[in-house]
């Protein structure tokens, strides 16, 4: 369970690539690949921007089968099954949930257990929540595959502005191109090129939100070499044009 009190950037959960913002709360099941890349201002020590995150790790069976099997815990049980694909809390409830999570992290003893149950109860009652990964994604991956995926995510985030072909990324993963394509598609549910385009469009969305650069500058800054390709890919993934997106968020 993660609460981003302060911080924004790009979030990778399974086959999902999305922007995360201040106040976001996510709940991730076990063995679900995840990675967060913070915006540039948080990586610049001179910017003064500070990140504040609260993270809670717990075993879903920490309370035993008897307690979880009670009728009163039916909704929590369903929610824990649902979060194997990742769950993002939306709407007004995430502010209250963020407060509960921060209290949980700073508490001790039995109070921690009661606050954890309060948090899970709040999430299970939330009407505005969405699953992060697609139905085709397989959440139960071997740890070796998770580690490899996360290293690919990291490499892609650090190099997305450059040309990355299949041969280069396969070499980074110490695999032949065909083996890499099979592994990435099986683990993430999409091709690497689809993933790379999502990363680049995610970066473009972040830059459009900041409003410092023109749309054409953002095209090249996010890794595209063709404005036509950038415009087409942006509309395909977001349902709107770069300018339309910028007007919507402003």
Foldseek 3Di string as FASTA:
>chain_A
DKFWQQFWFWKDWQQFIAIDGHLKDKDAAPQIFIDGDTDPLCVDPVNPGHTDMFDDDDDPQPVHPVVCVDPVNVLLVVVNVLRLQMKIADDPLSVVLNVLRVVLRPDDDPVNVVSVVVSSVSVSPGPGMDGRADPLADSNDPPVLSVLVNVLVVVLLVDLLDDDDLCNSCVVSVHHSVVVQVSCCNHRVDGVVLVSLSQLLNQLLVCLQVVPDDSVVSCNVSRHPDPVVNQVSNCVVPVDGSVVSSVVND
